[in-house]
N, C-alpha and C. Protein backbone atom coordinates (compact mmCIF):
# COMPACT_ATOMS: atom_id res chain seq x y z
N UNK A 1 -16.80 5.57 0.43
CA UNK A 1 -16.18 6.04 -0.84
C UNK A 1 -16.59 7.57 -0.29
N UNK A 2 -17.42 7.47 0.49
CA UNK A 2 -17.57 9.18 1.12
C UNK A 2 -16.05 9.51 1.71
N UNK A 3 -15.51 8.76 2.57
CA UNK A 3 -14.14 9.41 3.26
C UNK A 3 -13.50 9.91 1.99
N UNK A 4 -13.34 8.86 1.04
CA UNK A 4 -12.21 9.02 -0.01
C UNK A 4 -12.78 10.56 -0.63
N UNK A 5 -13.88 10.45 -1.07
CA UNK A 5 -14.56 12.03 -1.57
C UNK A 5 -13.96 12.95 -0.70
N UNK A 6 -14.13 12.89 0.86
CA UNK A 6 -13.96 14.31 1.48
C UNK A 6 -12.45 14.45 1.70
N UNK A 7 -12.00 13.18 1.77
CA UNK A 7 -10.19 13.63 2.34
C UNK A 7 -9.09 13.81 1.25
N UNK A 8 -9.62 13.06 -0.14
CA UNK A 8 -8.73 13.45 -1.40
C UNK A 8 -8.69 15.11 -1.45
N UNK A 9 -9.46 15.96 -1.61
CA UNK A 9 -8.90 17.24 -1.81
C UNK A 9 -8.27 17.87 -0.47
N UNK A 10 -8.52 17.67 0.61
CA UNK A 10 -7.81 17.94 1.60
C UNK A 10 -6.40 17.52 1.95
N UNK A 11 -6.06 16.46 1.22
CA UNK A 11 -4.60 15.80 0.86
C UNK A 11 -3.86 16.66 -0.21
N UNK A 12 -4.96 17.01 -1.15
CA UNK A 12 -4.20 17.92 -2.29
C UNK A 12 -3.73 19.23 -1.60
N UNK A 13 -4.77 19.78 -0.82
CA UNK A 13 -4.73 21.22 -0.39
C UNK A 13 -3.33 20.88 0.77
N UNK A 14 -3.21 19.84 1.10
CA UNK A 14 -1.82 19.59 2.04
C UNK A 14 -0.71 19.63 1.46
N UNK A 15 -0.71 18.22 0.66
CA UNK A 15 0.54 18.13 -0.01
C UNK A 15 0.98 18.87 -0.95
N UNK A 16 0.40 19.19 -2.07
CA UNK A 16 0.73 20.05 -3.05
C UNK A 16 1.97 20.94 -2.63
N UNK A 17 1.39 21.98 -1.73
CA UNK A 17 2.01 22.94 -1.19
C UNK A 17 3.21 22.76 -0.55
N UNK A 18 3.09 21.64 0.23
CA UNK A 18 4.54 20.94 0.93
C UNK A 18 5.36 20.71 -0.23
N UNK A 19 4.68 19.63 -1.33
CA UNK A 19 5.87 19.64 -2.30
C UNK A 19 6.20 20.32 -2.99
N UNK A 20 5.70 21.36 -2.95
CA UNK A 20 6.35 22.81 -3.86
C UNK A 20 7.40 23.51 -3.00
N UNK A 21 7.12 23.41 -1.71
CA UNK A 21 8.00 23.97 -0.90
C UNK A 21 9.48 23.26 -0.78
N UNK A 22 9.03 21.75 -0.31
CA UNK A 22 10.22 20.99 -0.40
C UNK A 22 11.03 20.80 -1.48
N UNK A 23 10.46 20.75 -2.77
CA UNK A 23 10.90 20.22 -3.98
C UNK A 23 10.70 21.92 -4.76
N UNK A 24 11.53 22.91 -5.05
CA UNK A 24 11.06 23.89 -5.64
C UNK A 24 10.96 24.10 -7.24
N UNK A 25 11.58 22.84 -7.71
CA UNK A 25 11.61 23.02 -9.43
C UNK A 25 10.68 21.60 -9.52
N UNK A 26 10.13 21.07 -8.88
CA UNK A 26 9.18 19.76 -9.19
C UNK A 26 8.09 20.20 -10.53
N UNK A 27 7.37 21.35 -10.61
CA UNK A 27 6.70 21.64 -11.86
C UNK A 27 7.49 21.42 -12.95
N UNK A 28 8.90 21.83 -13.24
CA UNK A 28 9.68 21.95 -14.15
C UNK A 28 9.83 20.90 -14.70
N UNK A 29 10.22 19.78 -13.41
CA UNK A 29 10.87 18.47 -13.78
C UNK A 29 9.94 17.71 -14.16
N UNK A 30 8.32 17.83 -13.80
CA UNK A 30 7.42 17.16 -14.29
C UNK A 30 7.09 17.45 -15.79
N UNK A 31 7.31 18.77 -16.24
CA UNK A 31 6.62 19.12 -17.61
C UNK A 31 7.72 18.45 -18.49
N UNK A 32 9.29 18.84 -18.12
CA UNK A 32 10.17 18.11 -18.72
C UNK A 32 10.16 16.85 -19.15
N UNK A 33 9.97 15.92 -17.64
CA UNK A 33 9.77 14.43 -18.20
C UNK A 33 8.53 14.11 -19.01
N UNK A 34 7.62 14.70 -18.86
CA UNK A 34 6.72 14.82 -19.78
C UNK A 34 6.54 14.68 -21.17
N UNK A 35 7.44 15.97 -21.75
CA UNK A 35 7.98 16.31 -22.99
C UNK A 35 8.96 15.04 -23.06
N UNK A 36 9.91 14.84 -22.42
CA UNK A 36 11.15 13.66 -23.03
C UNK A 36 10.57 12.28 -22.68
N UNK A 37 9.42 11.98 -22.24
CA UNK A 37 9.04 10.23 -22.13
C UNK A 37 7.31 10.53 -22.57
N UNK A 38 6.98 10.04 -23.66
CA UNK A 38 5.57 10.15 -24.21
C UNK A 38 4.36 9.29 -23.37
N UNK A 39 4.95 8.23 -22.62
CA UNK A 39 4.25 7.48 -21.76
C UNK A 39 4.25 8.03 -20.28
N UNK A 40 4.68 9.01 -19.78
CA UNK A 40 4.65 9.44 -18.58
C UNK A 40 3.66 10.03 -18.24
N UNK A 41 2.52 10.78 -18.86
CA UNK A 41 0.97 10.86 -18.48
C UNK A 41 -0.01 9.53 -18.26
N UNK A 42 0.45 8.50 -19.56
CA UNK A 42 -0.29 7.23 -19.23
C UNK A 42 0.50 6.42 -17.96
N UNK A 43 1.52 6.52 -17.78
CA UNK A 43 1.79 5.74 -16.52
C UNK A 43 1.34 6.57 -15.34
N UNK A 44 1.17 8.03 -15.15
CA UNK A 44 0.51 8.79 -14.19
C UNK A 44 -0.54 8.10 -13.88
N UNK A 45 -1.45 8.47 -14.96
CA UNK A 45 -2.56 7.94 -14.81
C UNK A 45 -2.83 6.51 -14.40
N UNK A 46 -2.30 5.58 -14.86
CA UNK A 46 -2.49 4.08 -14.51
C UNK A 46 -2.09 4.16 -13.01
N UNK A 47 -1.02 5.01 -12.58
CA UNK A 47 -0.82 4.65 -11.07
C UNK A 47 -1.45 5.35 -10.26
N UNK A 48 -2.38 6.26 -10.69
CA UNK A 48 -3.64 7.01 -9.90
C UNK A 48 -4.57 6.29 -10.09
N UNK A 49 -4.67 5.37 -10.99
CA UNK A 49 -6.09 4.44 -10.72
C UNK A 49 -5.63 3.21 -9.82
N UNK A 50 -4.52 2.70 -9.87
CA UNK A 50 -4.18 1.39 -9.27
C UNK A 50 -4.32 1.89 -7.63
N UNK A 51 -3.81 3.21 -7.44
CA UNK A 51 -3.76 3.72 -5.82
C UNK A 51 -5.57 3.89 -5.53
N UNK A 52 -5.97 4.63 -6.53
CA UNK A 52 -7.64 4.31 -6.12
C UNK A 52 -8.18 3.20 -6.05
N UNK A 53 -7.81 1.97 -6.55
CA UNK A 53 -7.90 0.69 -6.60
C UNK A 53 -8.02 0.15 -5.50
N UNK A 54 -6.65 0.31 -5.00
CA UNK A 54 -6.13 0.09 -3.67
C UNK A 54 -7.11 0.55 -2.37
N UNK A 55 -7.47 1.89 -2.62
CA UNK A 55 -7.96 2.06 -1.35
C UNK A 55 -9.59 1.72 -1.51
N UNK A 56 -10.12 1.43 -2.31
CA UNK A 56 -11.39 1.30 -2.63
C UNK A 56 -11.29 -0.62 -2.20
N UNK A 57 -10.42 -1.08 -2.64
CA UNK A 57 -10.27 -2.68 -2.18
C UNK A 57 -10.05 -2.63 -0.42
N UNK A 58 -9.49 -1.86 0.03
CA UNK A 58 -9.31 -1.68 1.48
C UNK A 58 -10.69 -1.61 2.06
N UNK A 59 -11.63 -0.28 1.58
CA UNK A 59 -12.80 0.20 2.11
C UNK A 59 -14.01 -1.22 1.94
N UNK A 60 -13.66 -1.68 0.95
CA UNK A 60 -14.73 -3.05 0.40
C UNK A 60 -14.06 -4.11 1.50
N UNK A 61 -13.03 -4.67 1.40
CA UNK A 61 -12.58 -5.53 3.00
C UNK A 61 -13.32 -5.20 3.93
N UNK A 62 -13.20 -3.80 4.39
CA UNK A 62 -13.51 -3.64 5.80
C UNK A 62 -14.75 -3.49 5.97
N UNK A 63 -15.66 -3.37 4.71
CA UNK A 63 -17.00 -3.09 4.60
C UNK A 63 -17.65 -4.64 5.31
N UNK A 64 -17.07 -5.59 4.27
CA UNK A 64 -17.61 -6.98 4.11
C UNK A 64 -17.17 -8.13 5.10
N UNK A 65 -16.16 -7.40 5.55
CA UNK A 65 -15.45 -8.40 6.73
C UNK A 65 -15.42 -7.51 7.99
N UNK A 66 -14.33 -7.04 8.58
CA UNK A 66 -14.13 -6.42 9.77
C UNK A 66 -12.73 -5.91 9.55
N UNK A 67 -12.41 -4.78 10.44
CA UNK A 67 -10.99 -3.66 10.60
C UNK A 67 -10.13 -4.68 11.14
N UNK A 68 -10.21 -5.56 11.98
CA UNK A 68 -9.60 -6.79 12.29
C UNK A 68 -9.06 -7.70 11.07
N UNK A 69 -9.78 -8.14 10.26
CA UNK A 69 -9.56 -8.78 9.15
C UNK A 69 -8.43 -7.93 8.29
N UNK A 70 -8.65 -6.72 7.99
CA UNK A 70 -7.85 -5.89 7.20
C UNK A 70 -6.53 -5.85 7.53
N UNK A 71 -6.29 -5.98 9.16
CA UNK A 71 -5.10 -5.58 9.69
C UNK A 71 -4.14 -7.15 9.68
N UNK A 72 -5.08 -8.19 9.87
CA UNK A 72 -4.43 -9.23 9.54
C UNK A 72 -3.95 -9.47 8.04
N UNK A 73 -4.86 -8.94 7.26
CA UNK A 73 -4.48 -9.48 5.58
C UNK A 73 -3.20 -8.46 5.25
N UNK A 74 -3.18 -7.04 6.23
CA UNK A 74 -1.67 -6.17 6.14
C UNK A 74 -0.71 -6.93 6.65
N UNK A 75 -0.88 -7.75 7.80
CA UNK A 75 0.47 -8.72 8.48
C UNK A 75 0.85 -9.64 7.13
N UNK A 76 -0.42 -10.18 6.64
CA UNK A 76 0.21 -11.57 5.89
C UNK A 76 1.10 -10.82 4.76
N UNK A 77 0.41 -9.71 4.23
CA UNK A 77 0.88 -9.34 3.11
C UNK A 77 2.53 -8.80 3.06
N UNK A 78 2.86 -8.52 4.62
CA UNK A 78 4.08 -7.87 4.76
C UNK A 78 4.90 -8.83 4.91
N UNK A 79 4.60 -10.27 5.26
CA UNK A 79 5.34 -11.65 5.58
C UNK A 79 5.74 -12.15 3.97
N UNK A 80 4.48 -12.03 3.01
CA UNK A 80 5.04 -12.43 1.82
C UNK A 80 6.13 -11.48 0.98
N UNK A 81 5.62 -10.15 1.56
CA UNK A 81 6.79 -9.24 0.79
C UNK A 81 8.47 -9.61 1.05
N UNK A 82 8.34 -10.10 2.57
CA UNK A 82 10.04 -10.40 2.73
C UNK A 82 10.27 -11.43 2.54
N UNK A 83 9.23 -12.70 2.21
CA UNK A 83 9.78 -13.79 1.53
C UNK A 83 10.17 -13.30 0.00
N UNK A 84 9.31 -12.62 -0.83
CA UNK A 84 9.82 -12.53 -1.59
C UNK A 84 11.10 -11.60 -2.17
N UNK A 85 11.07 -10.73 -1.44
CA UNK A 85 12.43 -10.10 -1.12
C UNK A 85 13.30 -11.19 -0.99
N UNK A 86 13.67 -11.80 -0.09
CA UNK A 86 14.49 -12.76 0.13
C UNK A 86 14.95 -13.62 -0.91
N UNK A 87 13.71 -14.15 -1.40
CA UNK A 87 13.97 -15.19 -2.87
C UNK A 87 14.59 -14.34 -3.91
N UNK A 88 14.08 -13.01 -4.35
CA UNK A 88 14.03 -12.62 -5.55
C UNK A 88 15.62 -11.62 -5.15
N UNK A 89 15.79 -10.90 -4.03
CA UNK A 89 17.03 -10.19 -4.19
C UNK A 89 18.51 -10.56 -3.07
N UNK A 90 17.86 -11.91 -2.72
CA UNK A 90 19.06 -12.37 -1.57
C UNK A 90 19.22 -11.40 -0.60
N UNK A 91 18.10 -10.89 0.07
CA UNK A 91 18.52 -9.58 1.42
C UNK A 91 18.58 -10.58 2.72
N UNK A 92 19.70 -10.21 3.04
CA UNK A 92 20.05 -11.16 4.39
C UNK A 92 18.93 -11.19 5.31
N UNK A 93 18.90 -12.01 6.61
CA UNK A 93 17.60 -12.07 7.34
C UNK A 93 18.38 -12.45 8.72
N UNK A 94 18.03 -11.69 9.69
CA UNK A 94 18.48 -12.66 11.12
C UNK A 94 17.60 -13.41 11.67
N UNK A 95 18.00 -13.86 12.55
CA UNK A 95 17.09 -15.41 13.43
C UNK A 95 15.83 -14.44 13.87
N UNK A 96 16.34 -13.05 14.62
CA UNK A 96 14.89 -12.44 14.99
C UNK A 96 14.15 -12.05 13.81
N UNK A 97 14.41 -11.91 12.97
CA UNK A 97 13.53 -11.77 11.76
C UNK A 97 12.81 -12.88 11.46
N UNK A 98 13.52 -13.81 11.37
CA UNK A 98 12.71 -15.06 10.99
C UNK A 98 11.79 -15.46 11.89
N UNK A 99 12.18 -15.41 13.10
CA UNK A 99 11.20 -15.64 14.16
C UNK A 99 9.98 -14.61 14.07
N UNK A 100 10.35 -13.47 13.86
CA UNK A 100 9.08 -12.44 13.86
C UNK A 100 8.02 -12.65 12.91
N UNK A 101 8.61 -13.23 11.93
CA UNK A 101 7.91 -13.34 10.59
C UNK A 101 7.06 -14.93 10.38
N UNK A 102 7.53 -15.83 11.52
CA UNK A 102 7.41 -16.95 11.75
C UNK A 102 5.64 -16.69 12.60
N UNK A 103 6.17 -15.76 13.68
CA UNK A 103 5.00 -15.70 14.48
C UNK A 103 3.54 -14.67 13.75
N UNK A 104 4.13 -14.10 12.77
CA UNK A 104 3.16 -13.30 12.03
C UNK A 104 2.23 -14.49 11.25
N UNK A 105 3.30 -15.55 10.67
CA UNK A 105 2.28 -16.20 9.63
C UNK A 105 1.71 -17.33 10.59
N UNK A 106 1.93 -17.60 11.77
CA UNK A 106 1.10 -18.40 12.67
C UNK A 106 0.04 -17.76 13.32
N UNK A 107 0.61 -16.29 13.25
CA UNK A 107 -1.02 -15.56 13.87
C UNK A 107 -1.93 -15.20 12.88
N UNK A 108 -1.45 -15.51 11.53
CA UNK A 108 -2.48 -15.39 10.19
C UNK A 108 -3.44 -16.44 10.20
N UNK A 109 -2.51 -17.74 10.67
CA UNK A 109 -3.42 -18.92 10.48
C UNK A 109 -4.08 -18.85 11.64
N UNK A 110 -3.40 -18.69 12.68
CA UNK A 110 -4.75 -18.69 13.91
C UNK A 110 -5.90 -18.11 13.78
N UNK A 111 -5.78 -17.11 13.12
CA UNK A 111 -7.05 -15.92 13.00
C UNK A 111 -7.95 -16.68 12.35
N UNK A 112 -7.46 -16.87 10.81
CA UNK A 112 -8.23 -17.40 10.07
C UNK A 112 -8.80 -19.38 10.89
N UNK A 113 -8.29 -19.95 11.37
CA UNK A 113 -8.75 -20.91 11.91
C UNK A 113 -10.06 -20.45 13.21
N UNK A 114 -9.69 -19.72 13.79
CA UNK A 114 -10.67 -19.10 14.67
C UNK A 114 -11.85 -18.57 14.32
N UNK A 115 -11.64 -17.79 13.38
CA UNK A 115 -12.69 -17.26 12.43
C UNK A 115 -13.56 -18.78 11.78
N UNK A 116 -13.05 -19.33 11.23
CA UNK A 116 -13.61 -20.62 10.55
C UNK A 116 -14.53 -21.32 11.59
N UNK A 117 -13.82 -21.73 12.54
CA UNK A 117 -14.41 -22.31 13.72
C UNK A 117 -15.76 -21.59 14.53
N UNK A 118 -15.77 -20.30 14.83
CA UNK A 118 -16.79 -19.61 15.23
C UNK A 118 -17.88 -19.20 14.26
N UNK A 119 -17.99 -19.61 13.09
CA UNK A 119 -18.97 -18.99 12.03
C UNK A 119 -20.05 -19.57 12.53
């Protein structure tokens, strides 16, 4: 949590000026969207809360398991996202892609099995 406490203000100091330079009318757009859509501020708050929760869950997983477990979970999440993308959106998949995600899933299974055996 200390990392999040120290990194958040630095991220704001870097990203806000960058956004203002790259998108000069961003403040006008945000204010006009806030006036047009009455739930925009609520949705922005919910989005911020979910982003904070994702960071917190990453820190807690790392604290209670290990950084390697967090990386393996990230790989598993990527494989699940690809499968959902294929099923929902009918995205095309190459043989190399199928082979890569098959290896990913096998690696996740092997890691889980190795972790269970060495407890």
